[in-house]
Protein backbone atom coordinates (compact mmCIF):
# COMPACT_ATOMS: atom_id res chain seq x y z
CA UNK A 1 129.51 107.62 110.90
CA UNK A 2 127.45 108.26 107.74
CA UNK A 3 126.31 105.77 105.18
CA UNK A 4 128.64 105.07 102.31
CA UNK A 5 127.49 105.91 98.81
CA UNK A 6 128.02 103.09 96.33
CA UNK A 7 127.37 103.82 92.68
CA UNK A 8 126.23 101.23 90.16
CA UNK A 9 129.72 101.05 88.66
CA UNK A 10 131.37 100.75 92.08
CA UNK A 11 128.90 98.07 93.05
CA UNK A 12 129.73 96.01 89.97
CA UNK A 13 133.48 96.41 90.51
CA UNK A 14 133.36 95.74 94.25
CA UNK A 15 131.42 92.57 93.71
CA UNK A 16 133.50 91.55 90.72
CA UNK A 17 130.37 90.97 88.65
CA UNK A 18 131.19 92.57 85.28
CA UNK A 19 130.07 89.53 83.26
CA UNK A 20 126.94 89.17 85.34
CA UNK A 21 126.03 92.83 84.74
CA UNK A 22 126.60 92.39 81.02
CA UNK A 23 124.35 89.31 80.94
CA UNK A 24 121.68 91.19 82.89
CA UNK A 25 121.81 94.14 80.52
CA UNK A 26 121.39 91.68 77.63
CA UNK A 27 118.17 90.34 79.17
CA UNK A 28 119.36 87.25 81.07
CA UNK A 29 116.67 86.87 83.74
CA UNK A 30 118.86 84.81 86.08
CA UNK A 31 121.50 87.54 86.06
CA UNK A 32 118.83 90.21 86.58
CA UNK A 33 117.43 88.31 89.57
CA UNK A 34 120.88 87.84 91.08
CA UNK A 35 121.70 91.53 90.73
CA UNK A 36 118.30 92.70 91.99
CA UNK A 37 118.57 90.39 95.01
CA UNK A 38 122.10 91.55 95.74
CA UNK A 39 121.10 95.22 95.52
CA UNK A 40 118.09 94.54 97.76
CA UNK A 41 120.36 92.87 100.27
CA UNK A 42 122.78 95.79 100.21
CA UNK A 43 119.98 98.30 100.66
CA UNK A 44 118.07 96.44 103.32
CA UNK A 45 120.71 94.72 105.41
CA UNK A 46 123.70 96.98 105.05
CA UNK A 47 121.83 100.23 104.38
CA UNK A 48 124.08 101.19 101.52
CA UNK A 49 122.85 103.69 98.97
CA UNK A 50 123.06 101.49 95.88
CA UNK A 51 121.07 101.46 92.68
CA UNK A 52 117.46 100.96 93.75
CA UNK A 53 116.18 101.99 90.32
CA UNK A 54 118.00 99.09 88.65
CA UNK A 55 116.74 96.74 91.34
CA UNK A 56 113.14 97.83 90.80
CA UNK A 57 113.45 97.68 87.00
CA UNK A 58 114.77 94.12 87.15
CA UNK A 59 112.24 92.98 89.77
CA UNK A 60 109.34 94.46 87.79
CA UNK A 61 110.56 92.87 84.56
CA UNK A 62 110.98 89.50 86.22
CA UNK A 63 107.67 89.72 88.12
CA UNK A 64 105.80 90.53 84.91
CA UNK A 65 107.28 87.31 83.49
CA UNK A 66 105.96 85.26 86.45
CA UNK A 67 109.16 85.03 88.49
CA UNK A 68 107.71 84.24 91.91
CA UNK A 69 110.82 85.40 93.79
CA UNK A 70 110.61 88.83 92.19
CA UNK A 71 106.87 88.97 92.88
CA UNK A 72 107.53 88.18 96.54
CA UNK A 73 110.25 90.83 96.75
CA UNK A 74 107.93 93.45 95.24
CA UNK A 75 105.23 92.45 97.72
CA UNK A 76 107.57 93.24 100.61
CA UNK A 77 109.06 96.36 99.06
CA UNK A 78 105.66 97.89 98.30
CA UNK A 79 103.97 96.74 101.50
CA UNK A 80 106.59 98.17 103.80
CA UNK A 81 108.81 100.33 101.60
CA UNK A 82 111.59 98.52 103.43
CA UNK A 83 114.48 99.93 101.52
CA UNK A 84 113.36 103.43 100.57
CA UNK A 85 114.12 103.11 96.87
CA UNK A 86 112.34 106.28 95.91
CA UNK A 87 108.90 104.77 96.18
CA UNK A 88 107.90 107.30 98.80
CA UNK A 89 105.32 105.86 101.13
CA UNK A 90 104.21 102.28 100.88
CA UNK A 91 101.85 101.33 98.07
CA UNK A 92 99.49 98.69 99.38
CA UNK A 93 97.59 98.25 96.11
CA UNK A 94 100.86 97.34 94.36
CA UNK A 95 101.82 95.14 97.31
CA UNK A 96 98.54 93.24 97.09
CA UNK A 97 98.83 92.98 93.30
CA UNK A 98 102.28 91.36 93.46
CA UNK A 99 101.46 89.41 96.60
CA UNK A 100 98.44 87.81 94.95
CA UNK A 101 100.54 86.85 91.93
CA UNK A 102 103.24 85.39 94.17
CA UNK A 103 100.65 83.48 96.19
CA UNK A 104 98.98 82.16 93.05
CA UNK A 105 102.40 81.03 91.84
CA UNK A 106 102.93 79.04 95.03
CA UNK A 107 104.85 81.37 97.37
CA UNK A 108 103.93 79.91 100.76
CA UNK A 109 105.29 82.82 102.80
CA UNK A 110 103.06 85.29 100.97
CA UNK A 111 100.12 82.87 101.05
CA UNK A 112 100.34 82.77 104.85
CA UNK A 113 100.74 86.54 105.17
CA UNK A 114 97.76 87.21 102.91
CA UNK A 115 95.73 84.62 104.83
CA UNK A 116 96.47 86.40 108.10
CA UNK A 117 95.44 89.73 106.57
CA UNK A 118 92.17 88.21 105.38
CA UNK A 119 91.51 86.69 108.80
CA UNK A 120 92.37 89.85 110.74
CA UNK A 121 90.79 92.33 108.31
CA UNK A 122 94.00 94.35 108.29
CA UNK A 123 97.15 94.53 106.21
CA UNK A 124 100.06 96.71 107.31
CA UNK A 125 97.70 98.83 109.36
CA UNK A 126 95.18 99.29 106.57
CA UNK A 127 91.73 97.70 106.61
CA UNK A 128 90.99 94.87 104.16
CA UNK A 129 87.81 92.91 103.66
CA UNK A 130 87.81 89.82 105.82
CA UNK A 131 87.42 86.53 103.98
CA UNK A 132 87.84 83.50 106.22
CA UNK A 133 87.18 81.02 103.40
CA UNK A 134 89.89 82.45 101.16
CA UNK A 135 92.28 82.75 104.11
CA UNK A 136 91.84 79.07 104.97
CA UNK A 137 92.40 78.15 101.32
CA UNK A 138 95.74 80.04 101.30
CA UNK A 139 96.75 78.50 104.62
CA UNK A 140 95.93 75.00 103.39
CA UNK A 141 97.93 75.57 100.21
CA UNK A 142 100.94 76.69 102.25
CA UNK A 143 100.52 73.86 104.77
CA UNK A 144 100.42 71.24 102.00
CA UNK A 145 103.87 72.43 100.99
CA UNK A 146 105.15 72.02 104.54
CA UNK A 147 105.00 75.65 105.66
CA UNK A 148 104.98 75.33 109.46
CA UNK A 149 103.51 78.76 110.21
CA UNK A 150 100.49 77.90 108.06
CA UNK A 151 100.12 74.54 109.79
CA UNK A 152 100.24 76.26 113.18
CA UNK A 153 97.65 78.85 112.17
CA UNK A 154 95.31 76.14 110.84
CA UNK A 155 95.67 74.28 114.14
CA UNK A 156 94.81 77.48 116.04
CA UNK A 157 91.69 77.80 113.87
CA UNK A 158 90.77 74.18 114.62
CA UNK A 159 91.29 73.04 111.06
């Protein structure tokens, strides 16, 4: 069976979010984040053809205003083009840009992923300059916040 096509209007009606959409259109960042996350979920987990352009517009707006969750989402979208929102192939320079911002703003998941890339010299199949010192710094930052994967990696490195 084929994928169902869900328009922006249908999406709002199906989810019974008319007030939320109105708040988002009026610039409410919490509403924008909620809608962008919901669209991302629909695209990625349920593979519905929803409004990726709105999702990207809201994520970019939020990320530019230091919303770490939006920065993290953009990191994953651009690094893997997970949801095929018209980005074409992955854009690793944009992924790194938003990933660095998310990491600097305390996103432990991204800190650990960037650390691994710096240790391995590879990110999503593309070469990156290895930097063990910076990688350990990111891992320590994530470990201090209780991120178990970072703690495990530091232990493997004998730190």
